[in-house]
Structures are given as structure tokens and as C-alpha cells.
Amino acid sequence: MLGTDQPDMLPMLARGKHRNPRRGACFMELASYLAGERWSDRPACTHPLLAHLARLVNDCTSDAARPRLAPLIPSVIGLTSNDPRWNHEIALLAALSALPVVAEETQRALAVGVLSVDRMLGETDGRDPGTPRATTAAALDEVPLAAAWARDFVAHGVLGPVRYHPGPVILDFAVPGIAMACVTDTDDRLRSLLSSAIQMCQDLAAAHDAPDRRVSAPSLEPDRWLDVCAPVLAR
């Protein structure tokens, strides 16, 4: 049962940032609420880049489809790590998911991101950084014009030294790009991307025993959290 300090009307998932639960809640704000943290869309209980992805998917999903994101909320609580590979893998997943459907200009930007992040992963998994993963190579082969442009862009050193991780920028191109794509299943694609990213992070945590996870996921029974995702009278 939720605490006695809950609002008179429990919040539904909504687009954007909210000052408090009475004004609504986004995906990560509800995660902070369920985790018992201070109300925030950037709670400590979730990996920062995964949280960024969740906020983008929340905001880019249609109002009609957004409630379908609710069952994923408990999965991100406690899912965090300081392992830099999490940033690389989340960014690469988002870029590869978006590449087939986004506009050509966005494909170019994402292809540059794919090349950069795949190289970063090569440095951490013992692979020659100049040899892309098979999945990366296959995805780039599907967008040959954008891939050729990106390779030329990178080869000429336009990017310069990398001073920060490109993950947030890649997600900023990928998620809205999917939402605006000329396909009929954008909501399904966005939910699938977030679900896949959560599963991937869970797999990474399990494979490496998550030695640096900062927050333990609480035990959240469905009857405790499902009502948070729909307007009901507080008891």
C-alpha cells in the first residue's frame, strides 16, 4: 500500500516534467516516487542514460499509447552501474533501432554516432576498434548513402577529440526520429526500444554481477504500483 502522503489523485503518465505528483508524472518521476526517492525525473536509482532514454520515449509516445509504458517502470528501479559499457551499449542500441526508419539527414548523424560508439566498444571488449560488430556492419549496409557520408566525415577528422560521451546526443536524434518516421507503428517501436534497453542493462548487470550498482531494486508487487499509473481516489 502506498504512503499516506500520496496526492488526492494519483498521477497518470504524462509528457514533460512536473513539479509534483498533483501536476502529473513522467516515466522517471513515477520511478523516483516508487523507489522512495525525492520527486525527480533524474533519480539515482536508474542509470543516467537509460533514464534519458525513458524520458524521451515517454515524451515522444502518443497520449493514447503512453499508458502501455507503465508496466516497465519498476524494471528501471535499481538498474544502474558505473560501467562505461552501459553508455556505449544503450547509445548503440538506440541508433541501430532508429537507422532503418528515420529521415536521411538524421540517418547521417546517427551513422556517425554508430561508428563512434562501436569503436568505443571495440576498445573495451578486446575487438579491433577498426572492425565493427557484425550487427553494426549489417545495419550500416542497410543505409549505404548515410554510412558512406559518415565514414567520410569521420575519416576527415571533423569530430576532433571526444570530450564527452555522445550517448545523450545520439538518443536526442534517435528517439524523436523514430517518433516522426513515416511508419505506422512508431509507438510500438519506441516501447520496444525502451524494453530492449532495460533488458540489455539487466543482462549486463547479471553478467558482471553489477559490483558497482548504487541502488538495490525494491520489491514492488503489482498491487502496490499499478494504481500509480491511473487516476484513482486516494484511500
Protein backbone atom coordinates (compact mmCIF):
# COMPACT_ATOMS: atom_id res chain seq x y z
CA MET A 1 0.00 0.00 0.00
CA LEU A 2 1.32 3.46 -0.86
CA GLY A 3 2.20 6.00 1.80
CA THR A 4 -0.28 8.34 3.41
CA ASP A 5 1.40 11.36 1.80
CA GLN A 6 0.17 10.41 -1.69
CA PRO A 7 -1.82 13.08 -3.58
CA ASP A 8 -5.62 13.13 -3.64
CA MET A 9 -5.46 11.91 -7.22
CA LEU A 10 -2.63 9.56 -8.17
CA PRO A 11 -0.83 10.71 -11.34
CA MET A 12 -1.09 9.30 -14.83
CA LEU A 13 1.88 9.14 -17.15
CA ALA A 14 2.12 12.45 -18.98
CA ARG A 15 4.53 14.28 -21.25
CA GLY A 16 7.17 16.58 -19.78
CA LYS A 17 8.49 17.43 -16.35
CA HIS A 18 6.17 18.01 -13.39
CA ARG A 19 6.75 19.96 -10.20
CA ASN A 20 4.88 17.43 -8.07
CA PRO A 21 2.53 14.42 -8.46
CA ARG A 22 -0.56 16.64 -8.40
CA ARG A 23 0.54 18.05 -11.76
CA GLY A 24 1.11 14.63 -13.35
CA ALA A 25 4.17 12.46 -13.78
CA CYS A 26 6.54 11.24 -16.45
CA PHE A 27 8.02 7.74 -16.54
CA MET A 28 11.10 8.58 -14.46
CA GLU A 29 9.20 10.76 -11.98
CA LEU A 30 6.99 7.78 -11.20
CA ALA A 31 10.12 5.65 -10.86
CA SER A 32 11.51 8.09 -8.29
CA TYR A 33 8.18 8.01 -6.42
CA LEU A 34 8.05 4.22 -6.34
CA ALA A 35 11.70 3.99 -5.30
CA GLY A 36 11.07 6.24 -2.33
CA GLU A 37 13.40 8.96 -3.61
CA ARG A 38 12.87 12.70 -3.77
CA TRP A 39 10.45 13.56 -6.61
CA SER A 40 12.63 13.91 -9.70
CA ASP A 41 12.88 12.81 -13.33
CA ARG A 42 16.58 12.05 -12.69
CA PRO A 43 16.52 9.67 -9.72
CA ALA A 44 19.70 7.98 -8.52
CA CYS A 45 18.05 4.57 -8.81
CA THR A 46 18.41 4.44 -12.61
CA HIS A 47 21.40 4.69 -14.94
CA PRO A 48 21.50 8.28 -16.28
CA LEU A 49 21.48 7.37 -19.98
CA LEU A 50 18.76 4.75 -19.52
CA ALA A 51 16.75 7.40 -17.65
CA HIS A 52 17.32 9.84 -20.53
CA LEU A 53 16.01 7.23 -22.94
CA ALA A 54 12.95 6.63 -20.75
CA ARG A 55 12.17 10.38 -20.61
CA LEU A 56 12.46 10.70 -24.39
CA VAL A 57 10.30 7.65 -25.07
CA ASN A 58 7.73 8.92 -22.56
CA ASP A 59 7.56 12.32 -24.25
CA CYS A 60 7.59 11.05 -27.85
CA THR A 61 4.95 8.36 -27.35
CA SER A 62 1.37 9.33 -28.17
CA ASP A 63 -1.04 10.09 -25.35
CA ALA A 64 -3.12 7.04 -26.27
CA ALA A 65 -0.16 4.63 -26.14
CA ARG A 66 1.74 6.11 -23.18
CA PRO A 67 -0.08 4.04 -20.51
CA ARG A 68 1.46 0.94 -22.12
CA LEU A 69 4.84 2.10 -20.81
CA ALA A 70 3.69 1.86 -17.20
CA PRO A 71 4.49 -1.84 -16.62
CA LEU A 72 8.13 -1.11 -17.46
CA ILE A 73 8.59 1.41 -14.64
CA PRO A 74 9.57 -0.98 -11.82
CA SER A 75 12.19 -2.56 -14.09
CA VAL A 76 14.37 0.57 -14.10
CA ILE A 77 14.46 0.94 -10.32
CA GLY A 78 17.89 -0.11 -9.08
CA LEU A 79 19.13 -0.62 -12.63
CA THR A 80 22.34 1.39 -12.67
CA SER A 81 26.08 0.98 -12.98
CA ASN A 82 29.29 2.97 -13.36
CA ASP A 83 30.50 0.61 -16.09
CA PRO A 84 31.13 2.80 -19.18
CA ARG A 85 29.94 -0.02 -21.42
CA TRP A 86 26.36 0.71 -20.36
CA ASN A 87 26.59 4.12 -22.04
CA HIS A 88 28.07 2.59 -25.19
CA GLU A 89 25.51 -0.21 -25.45
CA ILE A 90 22.46 1.97 -24.79
CA ALA A 91 23.57 4.54 -27.35
CA LEU A 92 24.35 1.90 -29.97
CA LEU A 93 21.03 0.12 -29.44
CA ALA A 94 19.08 3.36 -29.87
CA ALA A 95 20.98 4.35 -33.01
CA LEU A 96 20.63 0.94 -34.65
CA SER A 97 16.91 0.84 -33.80
CA ALA A 98 16.34 4.22 -35.44
CA LEU A 99 18.56 3.94 -38.51
CA PRO A 100 16.14 1.99 -40.75
CA VAL A 101 13.22 4.41 -40.39
CA VAL A 102 14.47 7.94 -39.71
CA ALA A 103 14.92 10.67 -42.33
CA GLU A 104 18.16 10.66 -44.34
CA GLU A 105 19.63 13.69 -42.58
CA THR A 106 19.08 12.00 -39.23
CA GLN A 107 20.50 8.77 -40.61
CA ARG A 108 23.75 10.58 -41.33
CA ALA A 109 24.04 11.91 -37.80
CA LEU A 110 23.19 8.52 -36.31
CA ALA A 111 25.65 6.73 -38.58
CA VAL A 112 28.41 8.96 -37.24
CA GLY A 113 27.29 8.10 -33.74
CA VAL A 114 27.22 4.39 -34.55
CA LEU A 115 30.79 4.46 -35.85
CA SER A 116 31.99 6.37 -32.80
CA VAL A 117 30.27 4.22 -30.18
CA ASP A 118 31.11 0.94 -31.91
CA ARG A 119 34.76 1.99 -31.82
CA MET A 120 34.47 2.74 -28.09
CA LEU A 121 33.04 -0.73 -27.53
CA GLY A 122 35.88 -2.24 -29.51
CA GLU A 123 38.33 -0.72 -27.06
CA THR A 124 36.55 -2.37 -24.10
CA ASP A 125 35.77 -5.83 -25.49
CA GLY A 126 39.16 -6.64 -26.98
CA ARG A 127 37.98 -6.21 -30.57
CA ASP A 128 39.97 -4.26 -33.13
CA PRO A 129 38.26 -0.83 -32.96
CA GLY A 130 38.51 -0.57 -36.74
CA THR A 131 36.46 -3.74 -37.20
CA PRO A 132 32.78 -3.13 -36.40
CA ARG A 133 30.48 -5.65 -34.81
CA ALA A 134 28.61 -7.82 -37.27
CA THR A 135 25.30 -6.24 -36.20
CA THR A 136 26.73 -2.75 -36.66
CA ALA A 137 28.11 -3.56 -40.11
CA ALA A 138 24.80 -5.10 -41.18
CA ALA A 139 22.82 -2.06 -40.01
CA LEU A 140 25.12 0.34 -41.86
CA ASP A 141 24.87 -1.80 -45.00
CA GLU A 142 21.11 -1.12 -44.96
CA VAL A 143 21.72 2.64 -45.21
CA PRO A 144 24.67 2.81 -47.63
CA LEU A 145 24.44 6.51 -48.50
CA ALA A 146 24.35 7.63 -44.87
CA ALA A 147 27.09 5.15 -43.95
CA ALA A 148 29.37 6.39 -46.73
CA TRP A 149 28.78 10.00 -45.67
CA ALA A 150 29.51 9.16 -42.05
CA ARG A 151 32.71 7.26 -42.85
CA ASP A 152 33.96 10.19 -44.92
CA PHE A 153 33.01 12.60 -42.12
CA VAL A 154 34.91 10.56 -39.53
CA ALA A 155 37.89 9.96 -41.82
CA HIS A 156 38.41 13.70 -42.25
CA GLY A 157 38.59 14.18 -38.50
CA VAL A 158 35.75 16.67 -38.41
CA LEU A 159 34.70 15.50 -34.98
CA GLY A 160 38.01 16.23 -33.27
CA PRO A 161 38.81 14.75 -29.85
CA VAL A 162 35.85 13.32 -27.93
CA ARG A 163 35.45 15.29 -24.69
CA TYR A 164 32.12 13.81 -23.61
CA HIS A 165 30.11 10.69 -24.32
CA PRO A 166 27.87 11.08 -27.39
CA GLY A 167 25.09 8.95 -25.90
CA PRO A 168 22.66 11.74 -24.96
CA VAL A 169 23.03 13.38 -28.39
CA ILE A 170 22.53 10.05 -30.15
CA LEU A 171 19.34 9.46 -28.17
CA ASP A 172 18.18 13.01 -28.92
CA PHE A 173 18.36 12.19 -32.63
CA ALA A 174 17.17 8.58 -32.45
CA VAL A 175 14.01 8.74 -30.35
CA PRO A 176 12.34 11.81 -31.91
CA GLY A 177 13.48 10.46 -35.28
CA ILE A 178 11.52 7.27 -34.70
CA ALA A 179 8.51 9.24 -33.47
CA MET A 180 8.47 11.32 -36.68
CA ALA A 181 9.23 8.45 -39.06
CA CYS A 182 6.86 7.64 -41.90
CA VAL A 183 5.81 4.30 -40.43
CA THR A 184 2.57 3.25 -38.79
CA ASP A 185 3.98 1.63 -35.66
CA THR A 186 6.06 4.41 -34.06
CA ASP A 187 4.59 3.82 -30.59
CA ASP A 188 5.38 0.11 -30.78
CA ARG A 189 8.93 0.84 -31.92
CA LEU A 190 9.51 3.31 -29.07
CA ARG A 191 8.22 0.92 -26.43
CA SER A 192 10.26 -1.92 -27.92
CA LEU A 193 13.40 0.23 -27.82
CA LEU A 194 12.93 1.08 -24.15
CA SER A 195 12.05 -2.50 -23.25
CA SER A 196 15.10 -3.80 -25.12
CA ALA A 197 17.37 -1.28 -23.42
CA ILE A 198 16.08 -2.32 -19.99
CA GLN A 199 16.59 -6.00 -20.78
CA MET A 200 20.09 -5.31 -22.12
CA CYS A 201 21.05 -3.45 -18.93
CA GLN A 202 19.65 -6.28 -16.83
CA ASP A 203 21.76 -8.72 -18.82
CA LEU A 204 24.86 -6.57 -18.39
CA ALA A 205 24.25 -6.35 -14.66
CA ALA A 206 23.76 -10.10 -14.36
CA ALA A 207 26.79 -10.95 -16.49
CA HIS A 208 29.11 -8.82 -14.40
CA ASP A 209 27.37 -9.27 -11.04
CA ALA A 210 26.77 -5.49 -11.06
CA PRO A 211 29.56 -4.78 -8.50
CA ASP A 212 29.02 -1.02 -8.66
CA ARG A 213 25.24 -0.74 -8.75
CA ARG A 214 24.37 2.00 -6.32
CA VAL A 215 20.74 1.18 -5.51
CA SER A 216 19.02 -2.11 -4.81
CA ALA A 217 15.70 -2.60 -6.57
CA PRO A 218 12.83 -2.69 -4.07
CA SER A 219 10.27 -5.44 -4.06
CA LEU A 220 7.32 -3.94 -5.90
CA GLU A 221 4.22 -6.08 -6.04
CA PRO A 222 1.77 -5.20 -8.86
CA ASP A 223 -0.97 -4.23 -6.42
CA ARG A 224 1.40 -1.64 -4.96
CA TRP A 225 2.36 0.22 -8.11
CA LEU A 226 -0.17 -0.35 -10.88
CA ASP A 227 -2.65 2.14 -9.42
CA VAL A 228 0.01 4.85 -9.65
CA CYS A 229 -0.37 4.74 -13.41
CA ALA A 230 -4.08 5.57 -13.48
CA PRO A 231 -6.20 8.23 -11.75
CA VAL A 232 -7.85 6.76 -8.69
CA LEU A 233 -9.15 8.28 -5.49
CA ALA A 234 -6.63 8.10 -2.68
CA ARG A 235 -7.69 5.93 0.22
